[in-house]
């Protein structure tokens, strides 16, 4: 599944266009490699996403084309969340 679609379906990021922008800005890595929106992700991959001052690391547990809001968190496990110091 494409990275931008996974982020939307899993509800880590609410909209696919926003998921595409975030990945194109280089704020997401898959298994330590910087990822684009079109990067293919699979079960077991580790994503690191930068949300402003927060770095979230998640592991993909399940891939589904669609999911209900209540079931979305079952698609991934949050490994860690850490604050990032602002540059400047």
N, C-alpha and C. Protein backbone atom coordinates (compact mmCIF):
# COMPACT_ATOMS: atom_id res chain seq x y z
N UNK A 1 0.85 -1.19 0.00
CA UNK A 1 0.00 0.00 0.00
C UNK A 1 0.89 1.24 0.00
N UNK A 2 0.44 2.27 -0.68
CA UNK A 2 1.19 3.54 -0.71
C UNK A 2 1.22 4.15 0.69
N UNK A 3 2.32 4.82 1.01
CA UNK A 3 2.48 5.45 2.31
C UNK A 3 1.38 6.47 2.59
N UNK A 4 1.08 7.34 1.63
CA UNK A 4 0.07 8.38 1.88
C UNK A 4 -1.30 7.76 2.15
N UNK A 5 -1.63 6.67 1.44
CA UNK A 5 -2.92 6.01 1.67
C UNK A 5 -2.94 5.34 3.05
N UNK A 6 -1.83 4.69 3.44
CA UNK A 6 -1.78 4.06 4.76
C UNK A 6 -1.99 5.10 5.86
N UNK A 7 -1.32 6.24 5.75
CA UNK A 7 -1.44 7.28 6.77
C UNK A 7 -2.88 7.76 6.89
N UNK A 8 -3.59 7.86 5.77
CA UNK A 8 -4.99 8.30 5.80
C UNK A 8 -5.90 7.21 6.37
N UNK A 9 -5.78 5.98 5.85
CA UNK A 9 -6.65 4.89 6.30
C UNK A 9 -6.45 4.60 7.79
N UNK A 10 -5.19 4.65 8.25
CA UNK A 10 -4.91 4.39 9.66
C UNK A 10 -5.24 5.59 10.54
N UNK A 11 -5.56 6.71 9.90
CA UNK A 11 -5.90 7.96 10.58
C UNK A 11 -4.76 8.55 11.40
N UNK A 12 -3.53 8.20 11.04
CA UNK A 12 -2.38 8.89 11.64
C UNK A 12 -2.38 10.33 11.14
N UNK A 13 -2.77 10.52 9.87
CA UNK A 13 -2.97 11.84 9.29
C UNK A 13 -4.36 11.82 8.66
N UNK A 14 -5.14 12.88 8.93
CA UNK A 14 -6.56 12.86 8.57
C UNK A 14 -6.85 12.84 7.07
N UNK A 15 -6.08 13.59 6.27
CA UNK A 15 -6.38 13.68 4.84
C UNK A 15 -5.20 13.21 4.01
N UNK A 16 -5.50 12.56 2.89
CA UNK A 16 -4.45 12.01 2.04
C UNK A 16 -3.59 13.11 1.43
N UNK A 17 -4.20 14.25 1.08
CA UNK A 17 -3.41 15.35 0.52
C UNK A 17 -2.40 15.86 1.54
N UNK A 18 -2.81 15.91 2.80
CA UNK A 18 -1.91 16.35 3.87
C UNK A 18 -0.81 15.31 4.07
N UNK A 19 -1.16 14.03 4.01
CA UNK A 19 -0.17 12.96 4.14
C UNK A 19 0.87 13.06 3.03
N UNK A 20 0.41 13.40 1.83
CA UNK A 20 1.33 13.55 0.69
C UNK A 20 2.26 14.73 0.92
N UNK A 21 1.72 15.86 1.37
CA UNK A 21 2.54 17.04 1.64
C UNK A 21 3.61 16.75 2.69
N UNK A 22 3.20 16.11 3.79
CA UNK A 22 4.12 15.81 4.88
C UNK A 22 5.26 14.91 4.39
N UNK A 23 4.93 13.89 3.61
CA UNK A 23 5.97 12.98 3.13
C UNK A 23 6.86 13.67 2.09
N UNK A 24 6.29 14.52 1.26
CA UNK A 24 7.09 15.22 0.25
C UNK A 24 8.03 16.25 0.89
N UNK A 25 7.70 16.69 2.11
CA UNK A 25 8.57 17.63 2.83
C UNK A 25 9.70 16.90 3.55
N UNK A 26 9.75 15.58 3.44
CA UNK A 26 10.82 14.80 4.05
C UNK A 26 10.65 14.60 5.54
N UNK A 27 9.40 14.63 6.03
CA UNK A 27 9.15 14.49 7.46
C UNK A 27 8.77 13.07 7.87
N UNK A 28 8.87 12.12 6.92
CA UNK A 28 8.52 10.73 7.23
C UNK A 28 9.64 9.82 6.74
N UNK A 29 10.01 8.85 7.58
CA UNK A 29 10.95 7.84 7.11
C UNK A 29 10.37 6.46 7.37
N UNK A 30 10.69 5.53 6.47
CA UNK A 30 10.24 4.15 6.57
C UNK A 30 11.49 3.29 6.73
N UNK A 31 11.58 2.58 7.85
CA UNK A 31 12.74 1.73 8.14
C UNK A 31 14.07 2.49 8.00
N UNK A 32 14.06 3.75 8.46
CA UNK A 32 15.29 4.54 8.45
C UNK A 32 15.58 5.26 7.15
N UNK A 33 14.79 5.01 6.10
CA UNK A 33 15.00 5.67 4.81
C UNK A 33 13.94 6.75 4.61
N UNK A 34 14.37 7.92 4.14
CA UNK A 34 13.40 8.99 3.88
C UNK A 34 12.40 8.50 2.83
N UNK A 35 11.12 8.79 3.07
CA UNK A 35 10.08 8.22 2.21
C UNK A 35 9.29 9.29 1.48
N UNK A 36 8.83 8.92 0.28
CA UNK A 36 7.92 9.78 -0.49
C UNK A 36 6.51 9.22 -0.32
N UNK A 37 5.52 9.99 -0.78
CA UNK A 37 4.12 9.57 -0.67
C UNK A 37 3.88 8.24 -1.39
N UNK A 38 4.63 7.99 -2.46
CA UNK A 38 4.41 6.79 -3.27
C UNK A 38 5.16 5.56 -2.74
N UNK A 39 5.94 5.72 -1.67
CA UNK A 39 6.68 4.60 -1.10
C UNK A 39 5.71 3.49 -0.66
N UNK A 40 6.02 2.26 -1.00
CA UNK A 40 5.18 1.13 -0.61
C UNK A 40 5.53 0.69 0.81
N UNK A 41 4.50 0.57 1.65
CA UNK A 41 4.72 0.10 3.02
C UNK A 41 4.06 -1.27 3.19
N UNK A 42 4.61 -2.06 4.12
CA UNK A 42 4.06 -3.40 4.37
C UNK A 42 4.06 -3.67 5.88
N UNK A 43 3.41 -4.74 6.27
CA UNK A 43 3.35 -5.12 7.68
C UNK A 43 4.77 -5.32 8.21
N UNK A 44 5.03 -4.77 9.39
CA UNK A 44 6.35 -4.89 10.00
C UNK A 44 7.24 -3.68 9.78
N UNK A 45 6.87 -2.80 8.83
CA UNK A 45 7.65 -1.59 8.59
C UNK A 45 7.55 -0.65 9.77
N UNK A 46 8.61 0.12 9.99
CA UNK A 46 8.62 1.10 11.07
C UNK A 46 8.62 2.50 10.46
N UNK A 47 7.65 3.31 10.84
CA UNK A 47 7.53 4.67 10.33
C UNK A 47 7.93 5.66 11.42
N UNK A 48 8.65 6.70 11.03
CA UNK A 48 8.93 7.80 11.95
C UNK A 48 8.34 9.04 11.29
N UNK A 49 7.37 9.67 11.97
CA UNK A 49 6.67 10.82 11.43
C UNK A 49 6.92 12.02 12.33
N UNK A 50 7.27 13.16 11.71
CA UNK A 50 7.48 14.38 12.50
C UNK A 50 6.25 15.26 12.40
N UNK A 51 5.58 15.46 13.53
CA UNK A 51 4.42 16.35 13.62
C UNK A 51 4.87 17.58 14.39
N UNK A 52 5.24 18.64 13.73
CA UNK A 52 5.67 19.85 14.43
C UNK A 52 6.83 19.58 15.36
N UNK A 53 6.61 19.70 16.69
CA UNK A 53 7.67 19.49 17.68
C UNK A 53 7.67 18.06 18.22
N UNK A 54 6.95 17.14 17.57
CA UNK A 54 6.83 15.79 18.08
C UNK A 54 7.28 14.77 17.04
N UNK A 55 8.03 13.77 17.49
CA UNK A 55 8.48 12.69 16.62
C UNK A 55 7.78 11.42 17.08
N UNK A 56 6.99 10.80 16.18
CA UNK A 56 6.23 9.61 16.53
C UNK A 56 6.75 8.43 15.72
N UNK A 57 7.10 7.34 16.43
CA UNK A 57 7.57 6.12 15.77
C UNK A 57 6.48 5.07 15.91
N UNK A 58 6.03 4.52 14.78
CA UNK A 58 4.98 3.49 14.80
C UNK A 58 5.43 2.28 13.99
N UNK A 59 4.90 1.12 14.35
CA UNK A 59 5.15 -0.11 13.62
C UNK A 59 3.84 -0.53 12.96
N UNK A 60 3.88 -0.88 11.69
CA UNK A 60 2.67 -1.29 10.96
C UNK A 60 2.32 -2.73 11.35
N UNK A 61 1.10 -2.92 11.87
CA UNK A 61 0.64 -4.25 12.28
C UNK A 61 -0.30 -4.88 11.25
N UNK A 62 -1.02 -4.04 10.52
CA UNK A 62 -2.04 -4.55 9.62
C UNK A 62 -2.22 -3.56 8.47
N UNK A 63 -2.52 -4.09 7.29
CA UNK A 63 -2.80 -3.22 6.14
C UNK A 63 -4.20 -3.55 5.66
N UNK A 64 -5.04 -2.53 5.58
CA UNK A 64 -6.41 -2.69 5.09
C UNK A 64 -6.72 -1.55 4.13
N UNK A 65 -7.52 -1.85 3.12
CA UNK A 65 -7.88 -0.81 2.15
C UNK A 65 -8.78 0.25 2.79
N UNK A 66 -9.70 -0.20 3.64
CA UNK A 66 -10.57 0.73 4.35
C UNK A 66 -10.72 0.24 5.78
N UNK A 67 -11.07 1.14 6.67
CA UNK A 67 -11.28 0.75 8.06
C UNK A 67 -12.22 1.73 8.73
N UNK A 68 -12.90 1.26 9.77
CA UNK A 68 -13.75 2.14 10.55
C UNK A 68 -12.89 2.92 11.52
N UNK A 69 -13.38 4.07 11.93
CA UNK A 69 -12.62 4.94 12.82
C UNK A 69 -12.17 4.22 14.09
N UNK A 70 -13.05 3.39 14.66
CA UNK A 70 -12.74 2.69 15.91
C UNK A 70 -11.63 1.66 15.70
N UNK A 71 -11.55 1.08 14.49
CA UNK A 71 -10.58 0.02 14.22
C UNK A 71 -9.24 0.54 13.71
N UNK A 72 -9.17 1.81 13.33
CA UNK A 72 -7.94 2.36 12.74
C UNK A 72 -6.70 2.18 13.62
N UNK A 73 -6.79 2.42 14.95
CA UNK A 73 -5.58 2.26 15.77
C UNK A 73 -5.03 0.83 15.80
N UNK A 74 -5.82 -0.16 15.39
CA UNK A 74 -5.34 -1.54 15.36
C UNK A 74 -4.37 -1.79 14.20
N UNK A 75 -4.27 -0.83 13.28
CA UNK A 75 -3.40 -0.98 12.12
C UNK A 75 -1.93 -0.72 12.46
N UNK A 76 -1.68 -0.11 13.62
CA UNK A 76 -0.30 0.21 13.98
C UNK A 76 -0.12 0.20 15.49
N UNK A 77 1.14 0.13 15.93
CA UNK A 77 1.49 0.21 17.34
C UNK A 77 2.44 1.39 17.49
N UNK A 78 2.15 2.29 18.44
CA UNK A 78 3.05 3.40 18.70
C UNK A 78 4.21 2.87 19.54
N UNK A 79 5.42 2.98 19.01
CA UNK A 79 6.61 2.50 19.71
C UNK A 79 7.10 3.58 20.67
N UNK A 80 7.21 4.82 20.16
CA UNK A 80 7.60 5.91 21.05
C UNK A 80 7.18 7.26 20.49
N UNK A 81 7.02 8.22 21.40
CA UNK A 81 6.74 9.60 21.04
C UNK A 81 7.75 10.44 21.78
N UNK A 82 8.39 11.36 21.07
CA UNK A 82 9.37 12.21 21.73
C UNK A 82 9.26 13.64 21.24
N UNK A 83 9.55 14.57 22.13
CA UNK A 83 9.56 15.98 21.76
C UNK A 83 10.86 16.30 21.05
N UNK A 84 10.77 17.17 20.04
CA UNK A 84 11.94 17.58 19.29
C UNK A 84 12.18 19.06 19.58
N UNK A 85 13.42 19.39 19.89
CA UNK A 85 13.75 20.80 20.11
C UNK A 85 13.67 21.54 18.79
N UNK A 86 13.09 22.74 18.81
CA UNK A 86 12.99 23.51 17.57
C UNK A 86 14.37 24.02 17.16
N UNK A 87 14.57 24.01 15.85
CA UNK A 87 15.87 24.48 15.33
C UNK A 87 15.82 25.98 15.21
N UNK A 88 16.92 26.65 15.63
CA UNK A 88 16.93 28.08 15.43
C UNK A 88 17.43 28.85 16.54
